[in-house]
Protein backbone atom coordinates (compact mmCIF):
# COMPACT_ATOMS: atom_id res chain seq x y z
CA MET A 1 -3.53 -2.05 -5.06
CA ASP A 2 -3.01 1.30 -3.11
CA VAL A 3 -0.68 0.53 -0.20
CA ILE A 4 -1.14 3.89 1.32
CA ALA A 5 -4.96 3.59 1.57
CA ILE A 6 -4.42 0.00 3.07
CA ALA A 7 -1.91 1.30 5.61
CA GLY A 8 -3.92 4.46 6.58
CA ALA A 9 -7.12 2.29 6.85
CA GLY A 10 -5.25 -0.19 9.08
CA LEU A 11 -4.00 2.50 11.43
CA VAL A 12 -7.43 3.95 11.66
CA ALA A 13 -8.86 0.45 12.49
CA ALA A 14 -6.09 -0.37 14.92
CA ALA A 15 -6.60 3.11 16.91
CA ALA A 16 -10.40 2.45 17.04
CA ALA A 17 -9.69 -1.00 18.22
CA VAL A 18 -7.42 0.06 20.92
CA LEU A 19 -9.89 2.92 22.17
CA LEU A 20 -12.84 0.49 21.92
CA LYS A 21 -10.73 -2.29 23.94
CA GLN A 22 -10.88 0.07 26.94
CA TYR A 23 -14.54 0.06 27.26
CA LYS A 24 -15.96 -3.05 25.31
CA PRO A 25 -13.12 -5.52 24.76
CA GLU A 26 -15.57 -7.90 22.81
CA TYR A 27 -16.45 -5.14 20.45
CA ALA A 28 -12.71 -4.44 19.72
CA MET A 29 -12.19 -8.03 18.71
CA LEU A 30 -15.06 -7.99 16.43
CA LEU A 31 -13.78 -4.46 14.90
CA SER A 32 -10.33 -6.28 14.50
CA LEU A 33 -11.97 -9.34 12.75
CA ALA A 34 -14.06 -6.99 10.38
CA ALA A 35 -11.03 -5.11 9.50
CA ALA A 36 -9.06 -8.08 8.69
CA ALA A 37 -11.70 -9.49 6.48
CA VAL A 38 -11.95 -6.18 4.59
CA PHE A 39 -8.30 -5.87 4.20
CA PHE A 40 -8.13 -9.51 3.00
CA GLY A 41 -10.66 -8.83 0.44
CA TRP A 42 -9.00 -5.69 -0.82
CA ILE A 43 -5.74 -7.40 -1.15
CA LEU A 44 -7.17 -10.36 -2.96
CA ALA A 45 -8.85 -7.94 -5.29
CA GLY A 46 -5.39 -6.36 -6.07
CA LEU A 47 -4.02 -9.73 -6.83
CA VAL A 48 -6.50 -10.47 -9.62
CA PRO A 49 -4.38 -8.93 -12.39
CA ALA A 50 -1.34 -10.81 -11.20
CA PHE A 51 -3.39 -14.17 -11.19
CA ARG A 52 -4.49 -13.28 -14.71
CA SER A 53 -0.81 -12.47 -15.84
CA MET A 54 0.41 -15.81 -14.16
CA ARG A 55 -2.44 -17.87 -16.18
CA GLU A 56 -1.23 -16.38 -19.40
CA MET A 57 2.35 -16.88 -18.71
CA ALA A 58 1.54 -20.57 -17.81
CA GLY A 59 -0.36 -21.05 -21.18
CA GLU A 60 2.58 -19.49 -23.12
CA ALA A 61 5.17 -21.70 -21.45
CA ALA A 62 2.98 -24.82 -22.20
CA TYR A 63 3.48 -25.63 -18.47
CA SER A 64 1.13 -27.58 -16.29
CA SER A 65 -1.81 -25.47 -15.11
CA GLU A 66 -1.95 -27.72 -12.08
CA ALA A 67 1.32 -26.18 -10.81
CA LEU A 68 -0.19 -22.75 -11.18
CA ARG A 69 -3.32 -24.05 -9.11
CA VAL A 70 -1.27 -25.25 -6.50
CA LEU A 71 0.63 -22.18 -6.34
CA ILE A 72 -2.62 -20.12 -5.80
CA LYS A 73 -3.89 -22.61 -3.33
CA CYS A 74 -0.81 -22.40 -1.35
CA LEU A 75 -0.91 -18.58 -1.37
CA GLY A 76 -4.38 -18.72 -0.09
CA VAL A 77 -3.52 -21.34 2.69
CA CYS A 78 -0.66 -18.96 3.93
CA CYS A 79 -2.51 -15.89 3.76
CA LEU A 80 -5.51 -17.55 5.60
CA CYS A 81 -3.49 -19.06 8.31
CA GLU A 82 -1.40 -16.07 8.82
CA ILE A 83 -4.62 -13.95 9.35
CA ALA A 84 -6.14 -16.35 11.58
CA GLY A 85 -3.03 -16.87 13.71
CA GLU A 86 -2.32 -13.13 14.18
CA ILE A 87 -6.01 -12.83 15.34
CA CYS A 88 -5.67 -15.36 17.79
CA LYS A 89 -2.40 -13.94 18.93
CA GLU A 90 -4.23 -10.61 19.49
CA ALA A 91 -6.80 -12.45 21.45
CA GLY A 92 -3.88 -13.77 23.59
CA GLN A 93 -4.25 -17.40 22.50
CA THR A 94 -0.77 -18.09 21.15
CA ALA A 95 -0.96 -21.84 21.49
CA ILE A 96 -4.02 -21.84 19.25
CA ALA A 97 -2.08 -19.42 16.87
CA SER A 98 0.98 -21.76 16.53
CA LYS A 99 -1.30 -24.68 15.87
CA ILE A 100 -3.11 -22.98 13.10
CA GLU A 101 0.24 -21.74 11.44
CA MET A 102 1.45 -25.62 11.78
CA ALA A 103 -1.74 -26.61 10.11
CA GLY A 104 -0.89 -24.20 7.29
CA ARG A 105 2.44 -25.64 6.85
CA VAL A 106 0.98 -29.21 6.51
CA ALA A 107 -1.58 -28.09 4.18
CA VAL A 108 1.06 -26.48 1.85
CA LEU A 109 3.10 -29.49 2.11
CA LEU A 110 0.24 -31.67 0.98
CA LEU A 111 -0.79 -29.52 -1.65
CA CYS A 112 2.77 -29.47 -3.15
CA LEU A 113 3.12 -33.32 -3.11
CA PRO A 114 1.74 -33.81 -6.60
CA VAL A 115 4.26 -31.21 -7.91
CA PHE A 116 7.06 -32.78 -6.19
CA GLU A 117 6.14 -36.27 -7.65
CA GLU A 118 5.93 -34.71 -11.28
CA LEU A 119 9.43 -33.18 -10.79
CA LEU A 120 10.74 -36.45 -9.54
CA ARG A 121 9.26 -38.13 -12.67
CA ILE A 122 10.95 -35.56 -14.85
CA ALA A 123 14.26 -35.96 -13.15
CA LEU A 124 14.21 -39.79 -13.27
CA THR A 125 13.12 -39.70 -16.99
CA LEU A 126 16.38 -37.36 -17.74
CA ILE A 127 18.59 -39.43 -15.73
CA GLN A 128 17.53 -42.59 -17.63
CA LEU A 129 18.32 -40.91 -21.01
């Protein structure tokens, strides 16, 4: 992942959105949405090797692949809610942005419950020995 290219493209998109906002605010919002979608895809493409590596490490450690799935889902939820919240803040809708971020936190908690249950079972098994 080329961070310099992402930062440069982000600055160009931001400058274009600021210029466009003076004449056509609705187009500036669409430009911001499109830029966010492109950057999100660009970042996800850069994460593919990391996901592959995590899957290999989980296989070698004989650790539950369910925990890896939960981790990847949580990462996706966090990124999605962060982007949606920032877009809402940019549009001036801070109340909606805060609710999106809260929904993301609740979703992460719900995704992690099975892992917490598994850890509790392991801990109880160790205590009973």
